[in-house]
Amino acid sequence: MNVYLLKSDSRVLIEEQLAKIIPKEGISISYVYEKNLENILEEASYVSLFDEKKYLIVKNANFFGKEKLSDKESDLLNTYLEHPYPNTVVFFITYEELDKRKGYTKKILENYTVKEINAPKGYELTNEIKKRTSMYKIPDPAIKYLIESSLNNFDLIMNEISKFELIFNKGESISLGQMKSLVSENLNENLFKFTDAVVNRNIEEAFKLLKDFLNVKTDPLQLFNLLVREFRLLYYYKIYEKKQYTNKEIGKNLGLQEWQVNKIIKNATNFHEDDLKDYLISLADIDYQIKSGKVDKTIALYTFLVGYFG
């Protein structure tokens, strides 16, 4: 199969899915973040000197969702999908709901592999976290604390779980007290304060909290992912607002409680839709630079905030 379309609300699940499909050795992998579809398809059609197989991962391919392509771009994509380059496997990645009315989306659905992999919610999230930590002995109160302190966000929880193997051996018990020492008791509250400070452009508070987080060894990616989530929610709200959705409908679609919707409504007044889209693109580019080893994650987070507040 030469073309894949992967849709998710979790970067962790996307990376896990890619790892299942892409061979681990002897291959060429390229990550693409740019918006110019013509350049992307040229890269996909590029004939290498040794005619080796390559894997092209197109991040934030949101033209399968709400974003629109020009007629020329649609034609180019449809043409490529009819005759994909045999030695290139293309992965289109999107974190938006698929618009299955679009011709090129239909073409992929009919002829290629489409996987929608969304993060578990509610009791399914609890069961999944228990499964992923089954090599340890963790009581239910500690699991509950882990999930709630990570805002019920699957990616944030997985970031915390990644610390376990550095501290505990398989089969060891992790008590509620030990969990609290790993996941700061004030993390939940301070994460809210941090995102609020960024969204409301309170530069002093934002950098003070960032310094506090780094002092207690909070992974910058945890903060980074939280900002991505916040800007994505604000962006989605702008879309639903234009469509004249009710607050109840918005809450249902975004998986938010009433007080969270009210907060999003209040914060969204500070932004234009295009600005939010630009922030998400910028964050996606930073994500690529971090994962490709081009920039230190702490420096990347500081750089984004300096540019944002500037």
C-alpha atoms as a PDB file:
ATOM      1  CA  MET A   1       0.000   0.000   0.000  1.00  0.00           C
ATOM      2  CA  ASN A   2       1.517   3.332  -1.096  1.00  0.00           C
ATOM      3  CA  VAL A   3      -0.810   5.850   0.566  1.00  0.00           C
ATOM      4  CA  TYR A   4      -2.087   6.054   4.141  1.00  0.00           C
ATOM      5  CA  LEU A   5      -4.383   8.593   5.779  1.00  0.00           C
ATOM      6  CA  LEU A   6      -4.055   8.616   9.580  1.00  0.00           C
ATOM      7  CA  LYS A   7      -6.425  10.681  11.711  1.00  0.00           C
ATOM      8  CA  SER A   8      -6.084  11.051  15.474  1.00  0.00           C
ATOM      9  CA  ASP A   9      -6.317  13.452  18.402  1.00  0.00           C
ATOM     10  CA  SER A  10      -3.137  11.991  19.892  1.00  0.00           C
ATOM     11  CA  ARG A  11       0.433  12.388  18.697  1.00  0.00           C
ATOM     12  CA  VAL A  12       1.472   9.375  20.775  1.00  0.00           C
ATOM     13  CA  LEU A  13      -1.017   7.105  19.010  1.00  0.00           C
ATOM     14  CA  ILE A  14       0.046   8.433  15.604  1.00  0.00           C
ATOM     15  CA  GLU A  15       3.708   7.683  16.376  1.00  0.00           C
ATOM     16  CA  GLU A  16       2.774   4.201  17.602  1.00  0.00           C
ATOM     17  CA  GLN A  17       0.799   3.524  14.421  1.00  0.00           C
ATOM     18  CA  LEU A  18       3.678   4.681  12.231  1.00  0.00           C
ATOM     19  CA  ALA A  19       6.058   2.419  14.157  1.00  0.00           C
ATOM     20  CA  LYS A  20       3.813  -0.562  13.409  1.00  0.00           C
ATOM     21  CA  ILE A  21       3.853   0.094   9.670  1.00  0.00           C
ATOM     22  CA  ILE A  22       7.303   1.479   8.873  1.00  0.00           C
ATOM     23  CA  PRO A  23      10.255  -0.933   8.884  1.00  0.00           C
ATOM     24  CA  LYS A  24      12.830  -0.202  11.562  1.00  0.00           C
ATOM     25  CA  GLU A  25      15.960  -0.456   9.418  1.00  0.00           C
ATOM     26  CA  GLY A  26      17.303   0.158   5.948  1.00  0.00           C
ATOM     27  CA  ILE A  27      14.792   2.808   4.879  1.00  0.00           C
ATOM     28  CA  SER A  28      14.605   6.532   4.220  1.00  0.00           C
ATOM     29  CA  ILE A  29      12.096   8.550   6.255  1.00  0.00           C
ATOM     30  CA  SER A  30      11.231  12.198   5.556  1.00  0.00           C
ATOM     31  CA  TYR A  31       8.934  14.427   7.611  1.00  0.00           C
ATOM     32  CA  VAL A  32       7.087  17.213   5.794  1.00  0.00           C
ATOM     33  CA  TYR A  33       5.405  20.147   7.526  1.00  0.00           C
ATOM     34  CA  GLU A  34       5.123  22.700   4.735  1.00  0.00           C
ATOM     35  CA  LYS A  35       1.727  23.714   3.352  1.00  0.00           C
ATOM     36  CA  ASN A  36       2.609  23.756  -0.354  1.00  0.00           C
ATOM     37  CA  LEU A  37       0.970  20.586  -1.658  1.00  0.00           C
ATOM     38  CA  GLU A  38       2.722  20.823  -5.019  1.00  0.00           C
ATOM     39  CA  ASN A  39       6.117  20.639  -3.290  1.00  0.00           C
ATOM     40  CA  ILE A  40       4.920  17.721  -1.171  1.00  0.00           C
ATOM     41  CA  LEU A  41       3.820  15.731  -4.212  1.00  0.00           C
ATOM     42  CA  GLU A  42       7.075  16.550  -6.009  1.00  0.00           C
ATOM     43  CA  GLU A  43       8.954  15.138  -3.028  1.00  0.00           C
ATOM     44  CA  ALA A  44       6.745  12.036  -3.123  1.00  0.00           C
ATOM     45  CA  SER A  45       7.485  11.570  -6.840  1.00  0.00           C
ATOM     46  CA  TYR A  46      11.206  12.169  -6.493  1.00  0.00           C
ATOM     47  CA  VAL A  47      13.282   9.368  -8.019  1.00  0.00           C
ATOM     48  CA  SER A  48      16.279   8.630  -5.802  1.00  0.00           C
ATOM     49  CA  LEU A  49      19.661   7.801  -7.264  1.00  0.00           C
ATOM     50  CA  PHE A  50      19.531   4.220  -6.029  1.00  0.00           C
ATOM     51  CA  ASP A  51      15.777   3.858  -6.542  1.00  0.00           C
ATOM     52  CA  GLU A  52      15.363   2.933  -2.875  1.00  0.00           C
ATOM     53  CA  LYS A  53      12.046   2.811  -1.045  1.00  0.00           C
ATOM     54  CA  LYS A  54      11.254   5.847   1.070  1.00  0.00           C
ATOM     55  CA  TYR A  55       8.570   6.857   3.558  1.00  0.00           C
ATOM     56  CA  LEU A  56       7.158  10.374   3.417  1.00  0.00           C
ATOM     57  CA  ILE A  57       5.248  11.542   6.498  1.00  0.00           C
ATOM     58  CA  VAL A  58       3.104  14.607   5.825  1.00  0.00           C
ATOM     59  CA  LYS A  59       2.227  16.169   9.184  1.00  0.00           C
ATOM     60  CA  ASN A  60      -0.868  18.359   9.620  1.00  0.00           C
ATOM     61  CA  ALA A  61      -2.495  17.380   6.315  1.00  0.00           C
ATOM     62  CA  ASN A  62      -5.625  19.246   7.399  1.00  0.00           C
ATOM     63  CA  PHE A  63      -6.892  19.634   3.842  1.00  0.00           C
ATOM     64  CA  PHE A  64      -8.582  16.289   4.530  1.00  0.00           C
ATOM     65  CA  GLY A  65     -10.544  18.147   7.196  1.00  0.00           C
ATOM     66  CA  LYS A  66     -11.661  21.774   7.306  1.00  0.00           C
ATOM     67  CA  GLU A  67      -8.880  23.333   5.232  1.00  0.00           C
ATOM     68  CA  LYS A  68      -9.518  23.754   1.522  1.00  0.00           C
ATOM     69  CA  LEU A  69      -7.280  23.125  -1.449  1.00  0.00           C
ATOM     70  CA  SER A  70      -7.316  25.191  -4.602  1.00  0.00           C
ATOM     71  CA  ASP A  71      -8.713  23.552  -7.735  1.00  0.00           C
ATOM     72  CA  LYS A  72      -5.165  23.145  -9.017  1.00  0.00           C
ATOM     73  CA  GLU A  73      -4.024  21.467  -5.802  1.00  0.00           C
ATOM     74  CA  SER A  74      -7.058  19.161  -5.765  1.00  0.00           C
ATOM     75  CA  ASP A  75      -6.309  18.108  -9.341  1.00  0.00           C
ATOM     76  CA  LEU A  76      -2.653  17.471  -8.487  1.00  0.00           C
ATOM     77  CA  LEU A  77      -3.574  15.347  -5.488  1.00  0.00           C
ATOM     78  CA  ASN A  78      -6.185  13.362  -7.412  1.00  0.00           C
ATOM     79  CA  THR A  79      -3.682  12.745 -10.196  1.00  0.00           C
ATOM     80  CA  TYR A  80      -1.074  11.508  -7.715  1.00  0.00           C
ATOM     81  CA  LEU A  81      -3.603   9.225  -6.022  1.00  0.00           C
ATOM     82  CA  GLU A  82      -4.399   7.667  -9.395  1.00  0.00           C
ATOM     83  CA  HIS A  83      -0.730   6.935 -10.068  1.00  0.00           C
ATOM     84  CA  PRO A  84       1.337   7.090  -6.856  1.00  0.00           C
ATOM     85  CA  TYR A  85       5.091   6.703  -7.182  1.00  0.00           C
ATOM     86  CA  PRO A  86       5.696   2.992  -6.468  1.00  0.00           C
ATOM     87  CA  ASN A  87       8.827   3.455  -4.349  1.00  0.00           C
ATOM     88  CA  THR A  88       7.312   6.060  -2.021  1.00  0.00           C
ATOM     89  CA  VAL A  89       4.901   5.346   0.820  1.00  0.00           C
ATOM     90  CA  VAL A  90       3.063   8.526   1.777  1.00  0.00           C
ATOM     91  CA  PHE A  91       1.444   9.014   5.189  1.00  0.00           C
ATOM     92  CA  PHE A  92      -0.980  11.934   5.407  1.00  0.00           C
ATOM     93  CA  ILE A  93      -1.475  12.855   9.089  1.00  0.00           C
ATOM     94  CA  THR A  94      -4.350  14.991  10.356  1.00  0.00           C
ATOM     95  CA  TYR A  95      -5.707  15.824  13.800  1.00  0.00           C
ATOM     96  CA  GLU A  96      -9.005  17.101  12.399  1.00  0.00           C
ATOM     97  CA  GLU A  97     -12.228  15.279  11.602  1.00  0.00           C
ATOM     98  CA  LEU A  98     -12.188  13.944   8.045  1.00  0.00           C
ATOM     99  CA  ASP A  99     -14.398  15.663   5.486  1.00  0.00           C
ATOM    100  CA  LYS A 100     -15.567  12.603   3.584  1.00  0.00           C
ATOM    101  CA  ARG A 101     -17.418  14.711   1.011  1.00  0.00           C
ATOM    102  CA  LYS A 102     -14.193  15.817  -0.644  1.00  0.00           C
ATOM    103  CA  GLY A 103     -13.284  13.953  -3.811  1.00  0.00           C
ATOM    104  CA  TYR A 104      -9.700  13.161  -2.860  1.00  0.00           C
ATOM    105  CA  THR A 105     -10.790  11.994   0.595  1.00  0.00           C
ATOM    106  CA  LYS A 106     -13.289   9.639  -1.028  1.00  0.00           C
ATOM    107  CA  LYS A 107     -10.569   8.378  -3.354  1.00  0.00           C
ATOM    108  CA  ILE A 108      -8.302   7.474  -0.431  1.00  0.00           C
ATOM    109  CA  LEU A 109     -11.183   5.868   1.460  1.00  0.00           C
ATOM    110  CA  GLU A 110     -11.998   3.714  -1.570  1.00  0.00           C
ATOM    111  CA  ASN A 111      -8.482   2.775  -2.671  1.00  0.00           C
ATOM    112  CA  TYR A 112      -6.027   3.129   0.189  1.00  0.00           C
ATOM    113  CA  THR A 113      -5.644   2.637   3.939  1.00  0.00           C
ATOM    114  CA  VAL A 114      -7.439   5.036   6.264  1.00  0.00           C
ATOM    115  CA  LYS A 115      -7.070   4.692  10.034  1.00  0.00           C
ATOM    116  CA  GLU A 116      -8.894   6.820  12.601  1.00  0.00           C
ATOM    117  CA  ILE A 117      -7.171   6.329  15.958  1.00  0.00           C
ATOM    118  CA  ASN A 118      -8.605   8.503  18.695  1.00  0.00           C
ATOM    119  CA  ALA A 119      -7.426   8.591  22.291  1.00  0.00           C
ATOM    120  CA  PRO A 120      -9.602   6.714  24.810  1.00  0.00           C
ATOM    121  CA  LYS A 121     -11.935   8.700  27.043  1.00  0.00           C
ATOM    122  CA  GLY A 122     -13.681   8.062  30.360  1.00  0.00           C
ATOM    123  CA  TYR A 123     -13.584   4.497  31.645  1.00  0.00           C
ATOM    124  CA  GLU A 124     -11.839   3.386  28.433  1.00  0.00           C
ATOM    125  CA  LEU A 125      -8.978   5.756  29.282  1.00  0.00           C
ATOM    126  CA  THR A 126      -8.714   4.274  32.775  1.00  0.00           C
ATOM    127  CA  ASN A 127      -8.674   0.726  31.371  1.00  0.00           C
ATOM    128  CA  GLU A 128      -6.037   1.643  28.776  1.00  0.00           C
ATOM    129  CA  ILE A 129      -3.761   3.248  31.371  1.00  0.00           C
ATOM    130  CA  LYS A 130      -4.126   0.194  33.619  1.00  0.00           C
ATOM    131  CA  LYS A 131      -3.168  -1.991  30.662  1.00  0.00           C
ATOM    132  CA  ARG A 132      -0.143   0.133  29.796  1.00  0.00           C
ATOM    133  CA  THR A 133       1.087   0.112  33.394  1.00  0.00           C
ATOM    134  CA  SER A 134       0.298  -3.561  34.081  1.00  0.00           C
ATOM    135  CA  MET A 135       4.012  -4.339  34.567  1.00  0.00           C
ATOM    136  CA  TYR A 136       3.754  -2.427  37.853  1.00  0.00           C
ATOM    137  CA  LYS A 137       1.426  -2.833  40.845  1.00  0.00           C
ATOM    138  CA  ILE A 138      -0.542   0.409  41.001  1.00  0.00           C
ATOM    139  CA  PRO A 139      -3.694   0.812  43.138  1.00  0.00           C
ATOM    140  CA  ASP A 140      -6.767   2.432  41.620  1.00  0.00           C
ATOM    141  CA  PRO A 141      -6.425   5.702  43.628  1.00  0.00           C
ATOM    142  CA  ALA A 142      -2.930   6.204  42.172  1.00  0.00           C
ATOM    143  CA  ILE A 143      -4.181   5.538  38.628  1.00  0.00           C
ATOM    144  CA  LYS A 144      -7.022   8.000  39.196  1.00  0.00           C
ATOM    145  CA  TYR A 145      -4.601  10.620  40.493  1.00  0.00           C
ATOM    146  CA  LEU A 146      -2.315  10.160  37.484  1.00  0.00           C
ATOM    147  CA  ILE A 147      -5.185  10.634  35.038  1.00  0.00           C
ATOM    148  CA  GLU A 148      -6.784  13.603  36.770  1.00  0.00           C
ATOM    149  CA  SER A 149      -3.469  15.380  37.334  1.00  0.00           C
ATOM    150  CA  SER A 150      -2.756  15.025  33.622  1.00  0.00           C
ATOM    151  CA  LEU A 151      -6.108  16.615  32.726  1.00  0.00           C
ATOM    152  CA  ASN A 152      -7.436  13.320  31.316  1.00  0.00           C
ATOM    153  CA  ASN A 153      -5.128  13.959  28.368  1.00  0.00           C
ATOM    154  CA  PHE A 154      -3.760  10.693  26.939  1.00  0.00           C
ATOM    155  CA  ASP A 155      -0.518  12.216  25.635  1.00  0.00           C
ATOM    156  CA  LEU A 156       0.241  13.940  28.935  1.00  0.00           C
ATOM    157  CA  ILE A 157      -0.442  10.713  30.826  1.00  0.00           C
ATOM    158  CA  MET A 158       1.881   8.767  28.536  1.00  0.00           C
ATOM    159  CA  ASN A 159       4.568  11.367  29.129  1.00  0.00           C
ATOM    160  CA  GLU A 160       4.279  10.716  32.880  1.00  0.00           C
ATOM    161  CA  ILE A 161       4.287   6.933  32.407  1.00  0.00           C
ATOM    162  CA  SER A 162       7.535   7.194  30.433  1.00  0.00           C
ATOM    163  CA  LYS A 163       9.249   8.246  33.684  1.00  0.00           C
ATOM    164  CA  PHE A 164       8.313   5.018  35.472  1.00  0.00           C
ATOM    165  CA  GLU A 165      10.898   2.770  33.823  1.00  0.00           C
ATOM    166  CA  LEU A 166      13.655   5.142  34.950  1.00  0.00           C
ATOM    167  CA  ILE A 167      12.635   4.715  38.591  1.00  0.00           C
ATOM    168  CA  PHE A 168      10.838   1.392  39.053  1.00  0.00           C
ATOM    169  CA  ASN A 169      11.544  -2.199  38.099  1.00  0.00           C
ATOM    170  CA  LYS A 170       8.890  -4.443  36.600  1.00  0.00           C
ATOM    171  CA  GLY A 171       6.668  -5.928  39.266  1.00  0.00           C
ATOM    172  CA  GLU A 172       7.308  -3.104  41.745  1.00  0.00           C
ATOM    173  CA  SER A 173       4.466  -1.309  43.509  1.00  0.00           C
ATOM    174  CA  ILE A 174       3.777   2.385  42.943  1.00  0.00           C
ATOM    175  CA  SER A 175       1.765   3.832  45.806  1.00  0.00           C
ATOM    176  CA  LEU A 176      -0.437   6.906  45.725  1.00  0.00           C
ATOM    177  CA  GLY A 177       2.238   8.753  47.680  1.00  0.00           C
ATOM    178  CA  GLN A 178       4.925   7.804  45.176  1.00  0.00           C
ATOM    179  CA  MET A 179       2.643   8.828  42.305  1.00  0.00           C
ATOM    180  CA  LYS A 180       2.183  12.239  43.912  1.00  0.00           C
ATOM    181  CA  SER A 181       5.941  12.632  44.182  1.00  0.00           C
ATOM    182  CA  LEU A 182       6.280  11.921  40.464  1.00  0.00           C
ATOM    183  CA  VAL A 183       3.307  13.984  39.302  1.00  0.00           C
ATOM    184  CA  SER A 184       3.303  17.231  41.259  1.00  0.00           C
ATOM    185  CA  GLU A 185       0.190  17.723  43.407  1.00  0.00           C
ATOM    186  CA  ASN A 186      -0.076  21.241  42.020  1.00  0.00           C
ATOM    187  CA  LEU A 187       0.498  20.201  38.417  1.00  0.00           C
ATOM    188  CA  ASN A 188      -3.193  20.273  37.480  1.00  0.00           C
ATOM    189  CA  GLU A 189      -3.780  23.736  38.906  1.00  0.00           C
ATOM    190  CA  ASN A 190      -0.495  25.195  37.671  1.00  0.00           C
ATOM    191  CA  LEU A 191      -0.974  23.813  34.162  1.00  0.00           C
ATOM    192  CA  PHE A 192      -4.261  25.693  33.995  1.00  0.00           C
ATOM    193  CA  LYS A 193      -2.520  28.820  35.266  1.00  0.00           C
ATOM    194  CA  PHE A 194       0.230  28.439  32.671  1.00  0.00           C
ATOM    195  CA  THR A 195      -2.102  28.102  29.694  1.00  0.00           C
ATOM    196  CA  ASP A 196      -4.245  30.956  31.001  1.00  0.00           C
ATOM    197  CA  ALA A 197      -1.164  33.160  31.316  1.00  0.00           C
ATOM    198  CA  VAL A 198      -0.110  32.360  27.745  1.00  0.00           C
ATOM    199  CA  VAL A 199      -3.588  32.805  26.261  1.00  0.00           C
ATOM    200  CA  ASN A 200      -4.123  36.071  28.129  1.00  0.00           C
ATOM    201  CA  ARG A 201      -0.611  37.276  27.242  1.00  0.00           C
ATOM    202  CA  ASN A 202       0.497  37.598  30.844  1.00  0.00           C
ATOM    203  CA  ILE A 203       4.191  37.354  30.043  1.00  0.00           C
ATOM    204  CA  GLU A 204       5.520  37.652  33.606  1.00  0.00           C
ATOM    205  CA  GLU A 205       3.222  34.947  34.983  1.00  0.00           C
ATOM    206  CA  ALA A 206       3.857  32.628  32.028  1.00  0.00           C
ATOM    207  CA  PHE A 207       7.635  32.731  32.331  1.00  0.00           C
ATOM    208  CA  LYS A 208       7.508  32.504  36.137  1.00  0.00           C
ATOM    209  CA  LEU A 209       5.422  29.314  35.920  1.00  0.00           C
ATOM    210  CA  LEU A 210       7.648  27.965  33.161  1.00  0.00           C
ATOM    211  CA  LYS A 211      10.698  28.467  35.379  1.00  0.00           C
ATOM    212  CA  ASP A 212       8.908  26.701  38.265  1.00  0.00           C
ATOM    213  CA  PHE A 213       7.988  23.764  36.010  1.00  0.00           C
ATOM    214  CA  LEU A 214      11.548  23.351  34.781  1.00  0.00           C
ATOM    215  CA  ASN A 215      12.906  23.559  38.325  1.00  0.00           C
ATOM    216  CA  VAL A 216      10.855  20.497  39.286  1.00  0.00           C
ATOM    217  CA  LYS A 217      11.979  18.693  36.103  1.00  0.00           C
ATOM    218  CA  THR A 218       8.658  18.909  34.254  1.00  0.00           C
ATOM    219  CA  ASP A 219       9.182  17.748  30.682  1.00  0.00           C
ATOM    220  CA  PRO A 220       8.889  20.784  28.340  1.00  0.00           C
ATOM    221  CA  LEU A 221       7.003  18.555  25.899  1.00  0.00           C
ATOM    222  CA  GLN A 222       4.243  18.234  28.484  1.00  0.00           C
ATOM    223  CA  LEU A 223       3.803  22.019  28.451  1.00  0.00           C
ATOM    224  CA  PHE A 224       4.208  22.111  24.701  1.00  0.00           C
ATOM    225  CA  ASN A 225       1.433  19.541  24.173  1.00  0.00           C
ATOM    226  CA  LEU A 226      -0.846  21.456  26.522  1.00  0.00           C
ATOM    227  CA  LEU A 227      -0.407  24.634  24.468  1.00  0.00           C
ATOM    228  CA  VAL A 228      -1.148  22.693  21.287  1.00  0.00           C
ATOM    229  CA  ARG A 229      -4.351  21.378  22.863  1.00  0.00           C
ATOM    230  CA  GLU A 230      -5.405  24.842  24.058  1.00  0.00           C
ATOM    231  CA  PHE A 231      -4.830  26.555  20.699  1.00  0.00           C
ATOM    232  CA  ARG A 232      -6.549  23.685  18.885  1.00  0.00           C
ATOM    233  CA  LEU A 233      -9.642  24.028  21.118  1.00  0.00           C
ATOM    234  CA  LEU A 234      -9.723  27.787  20.511  1.00  0.00           C
ATOM    235  CA  TYR A 235      -9.401  27.204  16.762  1.00  0.00           C
ATOM    236  CA  TYR A 236     -12.163  24.601  16.712  1.00  0.00           C
ATOM    237  CA  TYR A 237     -14.402  26.926  18.713  1.00  0.00           C
ATOM    238  CA  LYS A 238     -13.940  29.632  16.069  1.00  0.00           C
ATOM    239  CA  ILE A 239     -15.010  27.139  13.398  1.00  0.00           C
ATOM    240  CA  TYR A 240     -18.107  26.033  15.334  1.00  0.00           C
ATOM    241  CA  GLU A 241     -18.964  29.636  16.186  1.00  0.00           C
ATOM    242  CA  LYS A 242     -19.084  30.532  12.486  1.00  0.00           C
ATOM    243  CA  LYS A 243     -21.437  27.613  11.934  1.00  0.00           C
ATOM    244  CA  GLN A 244     -23.651  28.970  14.722  1.00  0.00           C
ATOM    245  CA  TYR A 245     -23.396  25.879  16.921  1.00  0.00           C
ATOM    246  CA  THR A 246     -24.912  26.204  20.404  1.00  0.00           C
ATOM    247  CA  ASN A 247     -22.624  26.081  23.446  1.00  0.00           C
ATOM    248  CA  LYS A 248     -24.052  22.650  24.288  1.00  0.00           C
ATOM    249  CA  GLU A 249     -23.239  21.348  20.789  1.00  0.00           C
ATOM    250  CA  ILE A 250     -19.725  22.799  20.995  1.00  0.00           C
ATOM    251  CA  GLY A 251     -19.154  21.153  24.358  1.00  0.00           C
ATOM    252  CA  LYS A 252     -20.320  17.792  23.023  1.00  0.00           C
ATOM    253  CA  ASN A 253     -18.166  17.986  19.884  1.00  0.00           C
ATOM    254  CA  LEU A 254     -15.055  19.051  21.788  1.00  0.00           C
ATOM    255  CA  GLY A 255     -15.623  16.777  24.789  1.00  0.00           C
ATOM    256  CA  LEU A 256     -15.731  19.705  27.212  1.00  0.00           C
ATOM    257  CA  GLN A 257     -17.823  20.462  30.268  1.00  0.00           C
ATOM    258  CA  GLU A 258     -19.952  23.618  30.418  1.00  0.00           C
ATOM    259  CA  TRP A 259     -17.412  25.575  32.485  1.00  0.00           C
ATOM    260  CA  GLN A 260     -14.648  24.635  30.052  1.00  0.00           C
ATOM    261  CA  VAL A 261     -16.735  25.840  27.096  1.00  0.00           C
ATOM    262  CA  ASN A 262     -17.370  29.142  28.877  1.00  0.00           C
ATOM    263  CA  LYS A 263     -13.641  29.536  29.426  1.00  0.00           C
ATOM    264  CA  ILE A 264     -12.900  28.804  25.763  1.00  0.00           C
ATOM    265  CA  ILE A 265     -15.542  31.354  24.679  1.00  0.00           C
ATOM    266  CA  LYS A 266     -13.964  34.007  26.896  1.00  0.00           C
ATOM    267  CA  ASN A 267     -10.417  33.310  25.704  1.00  0.00           C
ATOM    268  CA  ALA A 268     -11.373  33.036  22.030  1.00  0.00           C
ATOM    269  CA  THR A 269     -12.324  36.721  21.933  1.00  0.00           C
ATOM    270  CA  ASN A 270      -8.599  37.541  22.096  1.00  0.00           C
ATOM    271  CA  PHE A 271      -7.786  35.757  18.839  1.00  0.00           C
ATOM    272  CA  HIS A 272      -8.523  35.770  15.135  1.00  0.00           C
ATOM    273  CA  GLU A 273      -9.043  32.379  13.495  1.00  0.00           C
ATOM    274  CA  ASP A 274      -6.093  32.869  11.114  1.00  0.00           C
ATOM    275  CA  ASP A 275      -3.763  33.691  14.017  1.00  0.00           C
ATOM    276  CA  LEU A 276      -4.740  30.486  15.793  1.00  0.00           C
ATOM    277  CA  LYS A 277      -4.054  28.509  12.633  1.00  0.00           C
ATOM    278  CA  ASP A 278      -0.605  30.125  12.362  1.00  0.00           C
ATOM    279  CA  TYR A 279       0.187  29.243  15.984  1.00  0.00           C
ATOM    280  CA  LEU A 280      -0.752  25.611  15.352  1.00  0.00           C
ATOM    281  CA  ILE A 281       1.453  25.476  12.258  1.00  0.00           C
ATOM    282  CA  SER A 282       4.323  27.029  14.211  1.00  0.00           C
ATOM    283  CA  LEU A 283       3.888  24.504  17.024  1.00  0.00           C
ATOM    284  CA  ALA A 284       3.829  21.657  14.496  1.00  0.00           C
ATOM    285  CA  ASP A 285       7.112  22.895  13.029  1.00  0.00           C
ATOM    286  CA  ILE A 286       8.653  23.066  16.499  1.00  0.00           C
ATOM    287  CA  ASP A 287       7.410  19.534  17.188  1.00  0.00           C
ATOM    288  CA  TYR A 288       9.244  18.348  14.078  1.00  0.00           C
ATOM    289  CA  GLN A 289      12.453  20.158  15.020  1.00  0.00           C
ATOM    290  CA  ILE A 290      12.403  18.638  18.518  1.00  0.00           C
ATOM    291  CA  LYS A 291      11.726  15.074  17.334  1.00  0.00           C
ATOM    292  CA  SER A 292      14.308  15.293  14.564  1.00  0.00           C
ATOM    293  CA  GLY A 293      16.941  16.444  17.067  1.00  0.00           C
ATOM    294  CA  LYS A 294      17.409  19.858  15.443  1.00  0.00           C
ATOM    295  CA  VAL A 295      16.604  21.844  18.571  1.00  0.00           C
ATOM    296  CA  ASP A 296      16.548  21.306  22.332  1.00  0.00           C
ATOM    297  CA  LYS A 297      12.958  21.056  23.587  1.00  0.00           C
ATOM    298  CA  THR A 298      13.450  23.624  26.352  1.00  0.00           C
ATOM    299  CA  ILE A 299      14.966  26.133  23.936  1.00  0.00           C
ATOM    300  CA  ALA A 300      12.170  25.420  21.450  1.00  0.00           C
ATOM    301  CA  LEU A 301       9.485  26.175  24.041  1.00  0.00           C
ATOM    302  CA  TYR A 302      11.194  29.397  25.106  1.00  0.00           C
ATOM    303  CA  THR A 303      11.618  30.421  21.458  1.00  0.00           C
ATOM    304  CA  PHE A 304       7.924  29.920  20.728  1.00  0.00           C
ATOM    305  CA  LEU A 305       6.851  31.925  23.772  1.00  0.00           C
ATOM    306  CA  VAL A 306       9.262  34.771  23.006  1.00  0.00           C
ATOM    307  CA  GLY A 307       7.899  34.971  19.451  1.00  0.00           C
ATOM    308  CA  TYR A 308       4.315  34.674  20.677  1.00  0.00           C
ATOM    309  CA  PHE A 309       4.630  37.429  23.271  1.00  0.00           C
ATOM    310  CA  GLY A 310       6.750  39.565  20.965  1.00  0.00           C
END
